[in-house]
């Protein structure tokens, strides 16, 4: 179970390629046949694919942290996009355990996320709150 000793633990996923076809399929799954973004654009929520998934996968598989997936609830999520990401961009994603708190018999884990293009430009940053029962 995560505890204070895990605060600061970092997960890195370098070289995430923002797949244009995957981004279009993602947008279509959300919007159906409605055209909701410009050709070649990447929907903001596609950040789940290139920023969250590769780093949270590592966190959830970290045997020292021992996240109980059966009791996990995704409590909240925020994102900001200082610079647009484009199909074909290569980004380095990272996640850091920013906080661990015990409340009412549950563990609240705050995670900070960031994705940078390989030129150093931040394309996405965010914060997640995971609640473990």
C-alpha atoms as a PDB file:
ATOM      1  CA  UNK A   1       0.000   0.000   0.000  1.00  0.00           C
ATOM      2  CA  UNK A   2       1.400   3.451  -0.840  1.00  0.00           C
ATOM      3  CA  UNK A   3       2.708   5.451   2.117  1.00  0.00           C
ATOM      4  CA  UNK A   4       4.727   8.613   2.782  1.00  0.00           C
ATOM      5  CA  UNK A   5       7.987   6.846   1.916  1.00  0.00           C
ATOM      6  CA  UNK A   6       6.804   6.649  -1.711  1.00  0.00           C
ATOM      7  CA  UNK A   7       6.373  10.418  -2.136  1.00  0.00           C
ATOM      8  CA  UNK A   8       8.816  11.597  -4.790  1.00  0.00           C
ATOM      9  CA  UNK A   9       8.961   8.241  -6.588  1.00  0.00           C
ATOM     10  CA  UNK A  10       9.231   8.965 -10.310  1.00  0.00           C
ATOM     11  CA  UNK A  11       8.164   6.995 -13.378  1.00  0.00           C
ATOM     12  CA  UNK A  12       9.547   7.784 -16.838  1.00  0.00           C
ATOM     13  CA  UNK A  13       8.313   6.735 -20.275  1.00  0.00           C
ATOM     14  CA  UNK A  14      10.554   8.245 -22.918  1.00  0.00           C
ATOM     15  CA  UNK A  15       9.852   8.197 -26.636  1.00  0.00           C
ATOM     16  CA  UNK A  16       6.049   8.086 -26.718  1.00  0.00           C
ATOM     17  CA  UNK A  17       5.026   8.680 -30.347  1.00  0.00           C
ATOM     18  CA  UNK A  18       1.753  10.567 -30.742  1.00  0.00           C
ATOM     19  CA  UNK A  19       0.004   8.379 -33.286  1.00  0.00           C
ATOM     20  CA  UNK A  20      -2.175  10.363 -35.713  1.00  0.00           C
ATOM     21  CA  UNK A  21      -4.342   7.397 -36.691  1.00  0.00           C
ATOM     22  CA  UNK A  22      -4.809   6.483 -33.036  1.00  0.00           C
ATOM     23  CA  UNK A  23      -5.750  10.087 -32.199  1.00  0.00           C
ATOM     24  CA  UNK A  24      -8.348  10.137 -35.016  1.00  0.00           C
ATOM     25  CA  UNK A  25      -9.805   6.818 -33.838  1.00  0.00           C
ATOM     26  CA  UNK A  26      -9.902   8.142 -30.264  1.00  0.00           C
ATOM     27  CA  UNK A  27     -11.741  11.302 -31.404  1.00  0.00           C
ATOM     28  CA  UNK A  28     -14.197   9.275 -33.475  1.00  0.00           C
ATOM     29  CA  UNK A  29     -14.928   7.004 -30.512  1.00  0.00           C
ATOM     30  CA  UNK A  30     -15.815  10.072 -28.458  1.00  0.00           C
ATOM     31  CA  UNK A  31     -17.640  12.173 -31.076  1.00  0.00           C
ATOM     32  CA  UNK A  32     -19.064   9.602 -33.451  1.00  0.00           C
ATOM     33  CA  UNK A  33     -19.414  10.951 -36.967  1.00  0.00           C
ATOM     34  CA  UNK A  34     -19.357  14.629 -35.911  1.00  0.00           C
ATOM     35  CA  UNK A  35     -16.213  16.446 -37.012  1.00  0.00           C
ATOM     36  CA  UNK A  36     -14.869  17.902 -33.763  1.00  0.00           C
ATOM     37  CA  UNK A  37     -11.298  18.894 -34.564  1.00  0.00           C
ATOM     38  CA  UNK A  38      -9.139  20.078 -37.416  1.00  0.00           C
ATOM     39  CA  UNK A  39      -7.450  17.496 -39.639  1.00  0.00           C
ATOM     40  CA  UNK A  40      -4.152  16.434 -38.080  1.00  0.00           C
ATOM     41  CA  UNK A  41      -5.077  17.817 -34.662  1.00  0.00           C
ATOM     42  CA  UNK A  42      -4.821  15.668 -31.555  1.00  0.00           C
ATOM     43  CA  UNK A  43      -7.776  15.771 -29.128  1.00  0.00           C
ATOM     44  CA  UNK A  44      -6.688  17.060 -25.692  1.00  0.00           C
ATOM     45  CA  UNK A  45      -7.967  13.965 -23.897  1.00  0.00           C
ATOM     46  CA  UNK A  46      -5.647  11.807 -26.010  1.00  0.00           C
ATOM     47  CA  UNK A  47      -3.102  12.751 -23.316  1.00  0.00           C
ATOM     48  CA  UNK A  48      -4.421   9.673 -21.513  1.00  0.00           C
ATOM     49  CA  UNK A  49      -2.655   7.588 -24.178  1.00  0.00           C
ATOM     50  CA  UNK A  50       0.760   9.285 -24.404  1.00  0.00           C
ATOM     51  CA  UNK A  51       1.098  10.715 -20.869  1.00  0.00           C
ATOM     52  CA  UNK A  52      -0.992   8.770 -18.359  1.00  0.00           C
ATOM     53  CA  UNK A  53      -1.087   5.185 -19.562  1.00  0.00           C
ATOM     54  CA  UNK A  54       2.666   4.567 -19.914  1.00  0.00           C
ATOM     55  CA  UNK A  55       3.537   6.032 -16.512  1.00  0.00           C
ATOM     56  CA  UNK A  56       0.553   4.818 -14.492  1.00  0.00           C
ATOM     57  CA  UNK A  57       1.172   1.341 -15.905  1.00  0.00           C
ATOM     58  CA  UNK A  58       4.609   1.477 -14.261  1.00  0.00           C
ATOM     59  CA  UNK A  59       3.240   2.841 -10.988  1.00  0.00           C
ATOM     60  CA  UNK A  60       0.519   0.197 -10.769  1.00  0.00           C
ATOM     61  CA  UNK A  61       3.084  -2.513 -11.475  1.00  0.00           C
ATOM     62  CA  UNK A  62       5.595  -1.227  -8.900  1.00  0.00           C
ATOM     63  CA  UNK A  63       5.879  -4.094  -6.387  1.00  0.00           C
ATOM     64  CA  UNK A  64       7.289  -1.779  -3.698  1.00  0.00           C
ATOM     65  CA  UNK A  65       4.308   0.601  -3.845  1.00  0.00           C
ATOM     66  CA  UNK A  66       1.728  -2.230  -4.017  1.00  0.00           C
ATOM     67  CA  UNK A  67      -1.303  -0.411  -5.423  1.00  0.00           C
ATOM     68  CA  UNK A  68      -4.365  -2.615  -4.871  1.00  0.00           C
ATOM     69  CA  UNK A  69      -6.126  -2.266  -8.223  1.00  0.00           C
ATOM     70  CA  UNK A  70      -9.217  -4.042  -6.922  1.00  0.00           C
ATOM     71  CA  UNK A  71      -9.778  -1.192  -4.472  1.00  0.00           C
ATOM     72  CA  UNK A  72      -8.665   1.672  -6.738  1.00  0.00           C
ATOM     73  CA  UNK A  73     -10.960   4.575  -7.609  1.00  0.00           C
ATOM     74  CA  UNK A  74      -9.827   7.361  -9.952  1.00  0.00           C
ATOM     75  CA  UNK A  75     -10.900  10.329  -7.817  1.00  0.00           C
ATOM     76  CA  UNK A  76     -10.103  13.303 -10.029  1.00  0.00           C
ATOM     77  CA  UNK A  77      -7.986  14.438 -12.940  1.00  0.00           C
ATOM     78  CA  UNK A  78      -6.813  17.807 -14.241  1.00  0.00           C
ATOM     79  CA  UNK A  79      -4.864  18.643 -17.375  1.00  0.00           C
ATOM     80  CA  UNK A  80      -3.416  21.724 -19.004  1.00  0.00           C
ATOM     81  CA  UNK A  81      -1.828  21.976 -22.422  1.00  0.00           C
ATOM     82  CA  UNK A  82       0.685  24.856 -22.593  1.00  0.00           C
ATOM     83  CA  UNK A  83       1.641  23.930 -26.172  1.00  0.00           C
ATOM     84  CA  UNK A  84      -0.364  21.862 -28.659  1.00  0.00           C
ATOM     85  CA  UNK A  85       0.774  18.330 -29.340  1.00  0.00           C
ATOM     86  CA  UNK A  86       0.692  17.142 -32.956  1.00  0.00           C
ATOM     87  CA  UNK A  87       0.507  13.773 -34.650  1.00  0.00           C
ATOM     88  CA  UNK A  88       4.029  12.442 -35.017  1.00  0.00           C
ATOM     89  CA  UNK A  89       5.431  14.314 -32.020  1.00  0.00           C
ATOM     90  CA  UNK A  90       7.686  12.228 -29.801  1.00  0.00           C
ATOM     91  CA  UNK A  91       7.165  12.987 -26.125  1.00  0.00           C
ATOM     92  CA  UNK A  92       8.769  11.920 -22.885  1.00  0.00           C
ATOM     93  CA  UNK A  93       6.151  11.290 -20.204  1.00  0.00           C
ATOM     94  CA  UNK A  94       6.776  11.317 -16.475  1.00  0.00           C
ATOM     95  CA  UNK A  95       4.737  10.884 -13.317  1.00  0.00           C
ATOM     96  CA  UNK A  96       5.701  11.590  -9.718  1.00  0.00           C
ATOM     97  CA  UNK A  97       3.930  10.511  -6.557  1.00  0.00           C
ATOM     98  CA  UNK A  98       3.348  13.958  -5.053  1.00  0.00           C
ATOM     99  CA  UNK A  99       1.387  13.033  -1.930  1.00  0.00           C
ATOM    100  CA  UNK A 100       0.043  10.112   0.065  1.00  0.00           C
ATOM    101  CA  UNK A 101      -2.579  10.708   2.756  1.00  0.00           C
ATOM    102  CA  UNK A 102      -4.643   8.399   4.923  1.00  0.00           C
ATOM    103  CA  UNK A 103      -8.270   9.518   5.408  1.00  0.00           C
ATOM    104  CA  UNK A 104     -11.267   7.564   6.695  1.00  0.00           C
ATOM    105  CA  UNK A 105      -9.582   4.221   6.159  1.00  0.00           C
ATOM    106  CA  UNK A 106      -8.589   5.016   2.575  1.00  0.00           C
ATOM    107  CA  UNK A 107      -5.303   6.017   0.939  1.00  0.00           C
ATOM    108  CA  UNK A 108      -5.318   9.139  -1.257  1.00  0.00           C
ATOM    109  CA  UNK A 109      -2.425   9.232  -3.728  1.00  0.00           C
ATOM    110  CA  UNK A 110      -1.712  12.489  -5.598  1.00  0.00           C
ATOM    111  CA  UNK A 111       0.241  12.086  -8.823  1.00  0.00           C
ATOM    112  CA  UNK A 112       1.745  14.847 -10.964  1.00  0.00           C
ATOM    113  CA  UNK A 113       2.109  14.172 -14.690  1.00  0.00           C
ATOM    114  CA  UNK A 114       4.106  15.880 -17.415  1.00  0.00           C
ATOM    115  CA  UNK A 115       4.772  15.247 -21.095  1.00  0.00           C
ATOM    116  CA  UNK A 116       7.519  17.068 -23.007  1.00  0.00           C
ATOM    117  CA  UNK A 117       8.342  16.996 -26.654  1.00  0.00           C
ATOM    118  CA  UNK A 118      11.932  16.005 -27.178  1.00  0.00           C
ATOM    119  CA  UNK A 119      12.774  19.656 -27.895  1.00  0.00           C
ATOM    120  CA  UNK A 120      11.962  20.264 -24.194  1.00  0.00           C
ATOM    121  CA  UNK A 121       8.609  21.984 -24.765  1.00  0.00           C
ATOM    122  CA  UNK A 122       5.891  20.915 -22.288  1.00  0.00           C
ATOM    123  CA  UNK A 123       2.816  19.744 -24.211  1.00  0.00           C
ATOM    124  CA  UNK A 124       0.782  18.505 -21.248  1.00  0.00           C
ATOM    125  CA  UNK A 125       0.849  18.582 -17.488  1.00  0.00           C
ATOM    126  CA  UNK A 126      -1.695  17.307 -15.060  1.00  0.00           C
ATOM    127  CA  UNK A 127      -2.574  15.923 -11.709  1.00  0.00           C
ATOM    128  CA  UNK A 128      -4.430  12.747 -10.695  1.00  0.00           C
ATOM    129  CA  UNK A 129      -5.933  11.695  -7.422  1.00  0.00           C
ATOM    130  CA  UNK A 130      -6.205   7.960  -6.870  1.00  0.00           C
ATOM    131  CA  UNK A 131      -8.174   6.653  -3.917  1.00  0.00           C
ATOM    132  CA  UNK A 132      -7.436   3.166  -2.657  1.00  0.00           C
ATOM    133  CA  UNK A 133      -9.962   1.445  -0.418  1.00  0.00           C
END
